């Protein structure tokens, strides 16, 4: 019976790892969604400002999305709230970065996310110490 119990524990652990991989894949896709808008603007499917540069847009997308995802990963919120927040903040970024060409306003959401991370930092350190 010990063998069956160990096998059941391994199956549970494997399912947890699969769930984590699916979540990371969804987050990565959400981070790259603004690039699809950039390509659509570059091809001419969506109208935007005349001074659109796809390479600058792609670099800005990564400079916004990767820190946002890293900070969101550390936060102590449920996964559904993290995904919803990422979706809303990416929508904000797309609107101001691609359509309004307001780079300062596009990156503003990073400030409250960073402030929230700093507020939760003691709890995050306690949780990391327990694990």
Protein backbone atom coordinates (compact mmCIF):
# COMPACT_ATOMS: atom_id res chain seq x y z
CA UNK A 1 0.00 0.00 0.00
CA UNK A 2 2.92 2.36 0.55
CA UNK A 3 3.74 2.17 -3.15
CA UNK A 4 0.20 3.19 -4.12
CA UNK A 5 0.22 6.08 -1.67
CA UNK A 6 3.56 7.32 -3.02
CA UNK A 7 2.24 7.04 -6.56
CA UNK A 8 -0.87 9.03 -5.63
CA UNK A 9 1.32 11.76 -4.08
CA UNK A 10 3.46 11.90 -7.22
CA UNK A 11 0.34 12.20 -9.38
CA UNK A 12 -0.92 15.10 -7.26
CA UNK A 13 2.44 16.83 -7.50
CA UNK A 14 2.55 16.30 -11.25
CA UNK A 15 -0.95 17.78 -11.66
CA UNK A 16 0.11 20.80 -9.64
CA UNK A 17 3.13 21.29 -11.92
CA UNK A 18 0.92 21.01 -15.00
CA UNK A 19 -1.45 23.59 -13.57
CA UNK A 20 1.46 25.94 -12.91
CA UNK A 21 2.73 25.46 -16.47
CA UNK A 22 -0.69 26.28 -17.93
CA UNK A 23 -0.89 29.42 -15.78
CA UNK A 24 2.57 30.58 -16.88
CA UNK A 25 1.64 29.95 -20.52
CA UNK A 26 -1.51 32.06 -20.18
CA UNK A 27 0.46 34.86 -18.54
CA UNK A 28 3.08 34.77 -21.29
CA UNK A 29 0.39 34.96 -23.96
CA UNK A 30 -1.23 37.92 -22.20
CA UNK A 31 2.16 39.65 -22.08
CA UNK A 32 2.58 39.18 -25.84
CA UNK A 33 -0.96 40.31 -26.83
CA UNK A 34 0.17 43.93 -27.30
CA UNK A 35 2.65 42.68 -29.92
CA UNK A 36 -0.29 41.43 -31.98
CA UNK A 37 -1.77 44.93 -31.90
CA UNK A 38 1.62 46.30 -32.94
CA UNK A 39 1.80 43.95 -35.91
CA UNK A 40 -1.78 44.83 -36.90
CA UNK A 41 -0.92 48.54 -36.77
CA UNK A 42 2.29 47.99 -38.72
CA UNK A 43 0.49 46.01 -41.44
CA UNK A 44 -2.26 48.64 -41.62
CA UNK A 45 -5.21 46.68 -40.25
CA UNK A 46 -5.61 49.17 -37.38
CA UNK A 47 -5.14 52.92 -37.72
CA UNK A 48 -2.75 54.64 -35.35
CA UNK A 49 -0.36 57.55 -35.24
CA UNK A 50 1.92 58.14 -38.23
CA UNK A 51 5.06 57.79 -36.13
CA UNK A 52 4.67 54.10 -35.30
CA UNK A 53 7.82 51.97 -34.98
CA UNK A 54 7.24 48.23 -34.53
CA UNK A 55 10.64 47.56 -32.92
CA UNK A 56 10.20 50.32 -30.37
CA UNK A 57 6.68 49.11 -29.71
CA UNK A 58 7.88 45.54 -29.16
CA UNK A 59 10.64 46.67 -26.81
CA UNK A 60 8.15 48.79 -24.87
CA UNK A 61 5.76 45.85 -24.65
CA UNK A 62 8.44 43.68 -23.07
CA UNK A 63 9.64 46.50 -20.79
CA UNK A 64 6.08 46.83 -19.50
CA UNK A 65 4.87 43.22 -19.52
CA UNK A 66 7.83 41.36 -18.05
CA UNK A 67 8.25 43.50 -14.89
CA UNK A 68 4.48 43.51 -14.47
CA UNK A 69 4.35 39.71 -14.68
CA UNK A 70 7.30 39.32 -12.31
CA UNK A 71 5.76 41.60 -9.71
CA UNK A 72 2.36 39.98 -10.18
CA UNK A 73 3.87 36.54 -9.66
CA UNK A 74 5.22 37.58 -6.27
CA UNK A 75 1.97 39.14 -5.05
CA UNK A 76 -0.28 37.31 -2.64
CA UNK A 77 -3.48 37.37 -4.67
CA UNK A 78 -5.54 34.53 -6.14
CA UNK A 79 -4.61 33.51 -9.67
CA UNK A 80 -7.87 34.73 -11.18
CA UNK A 81 -7.27 38.20 -9.74
CA UNK A 82 -3.71 38.23 -11.08
CA UNK A 83 -4.93 37.29 -14.57
CA UNK A 84 -7.71 39.88 -14.46
CA UNK A 85 -5.29 42.56 -13.31
CA UNK A 86 -2.81 41.63 -16.04
CA UNK A 87 -5.56 41.78 -18.66
CA UNK A 88 -6.78 45.20 -17.49
CA UNK A 89 -3.28 46.66 -17.23
CA UNK A 90 -2.30 45.29 -20.65
CA UNK A 91 -5.46 46.89 -22.11
CA UNK A 92 -4.42 50.19 -20.51
CA UNK A 93 -0.94 49.81 -21.98
CA UNK A 94 -2.23 48.99 -25.50
CA UNK A 95 -4.56 51.99 -25.49
CA UNK A 96 -1.99 54.55 -24.40
CA UNK A 97 1.12 53.05 -26.03
CA UNK A 98 -0.28 52.04 -29.44
CA UNK A 99 -3.26 54.28 -30.05
CA UNK A 100 -2.56 57.48 -28.12
CA UNK A 101 1.27 57.42 -28.27
CA UNK A 102 1.42 58.54 -24.64
CA UNK A 103 4.39 56.56 -23.36
CA UNK A 104 4.37 58.15 -19.91
CA UNK A 105 0.72 57.30 -19.33
CA UNK A 106 1.22 53.80 -20.71
CA UNK A 107 3.78 52.93 -18.03
CA UNK A 108 1.91 54.56 -15.10
CA UNK A 109 0.30 51.27 -13.92
CA UNK A 110 3.73 49.94 -12.96
CA UNK A 111 3.87 52.43 -10.08
CA UNK A 112 0.78 51.24 -8.14
CA UNK A 113 1.74 47.61 -8.81
CA UNK A 114 5.19 48.29 -7.38
CA UNK A 115 3.63 50.07 -4.38
CA UNK A 116 1.34 47.08 -3.75
CA UNK A 117 4.34 44.77 -3.97
CA UNK A 118 6.21 46.86 -1.39
CA UNK A 119 3.19 46.74 0.94
CA UNK A 120 3.00 42.94 0.65
CA UNK A 121 6.76 42.41 0.84
CA UNK A 122 6.90 41.44 4.58
CA UNK A 123 4.18 38.81 4.09
CA UNK A 124 5.92 37.52 0.96
CA UNK A 125 9.18 37.14 2.88
CA UNK A 126 7.40 35.29 5.70
CA UNK A 127 5.80 32.91 3.22
CA UNK A 128 9.12 32.33 1.47
CA UNK A 129 10.78 31.62 4.84
CA UNK A 130 8.17 28.96 5.64
CA UNK A 131 8.68 27.18 2.32
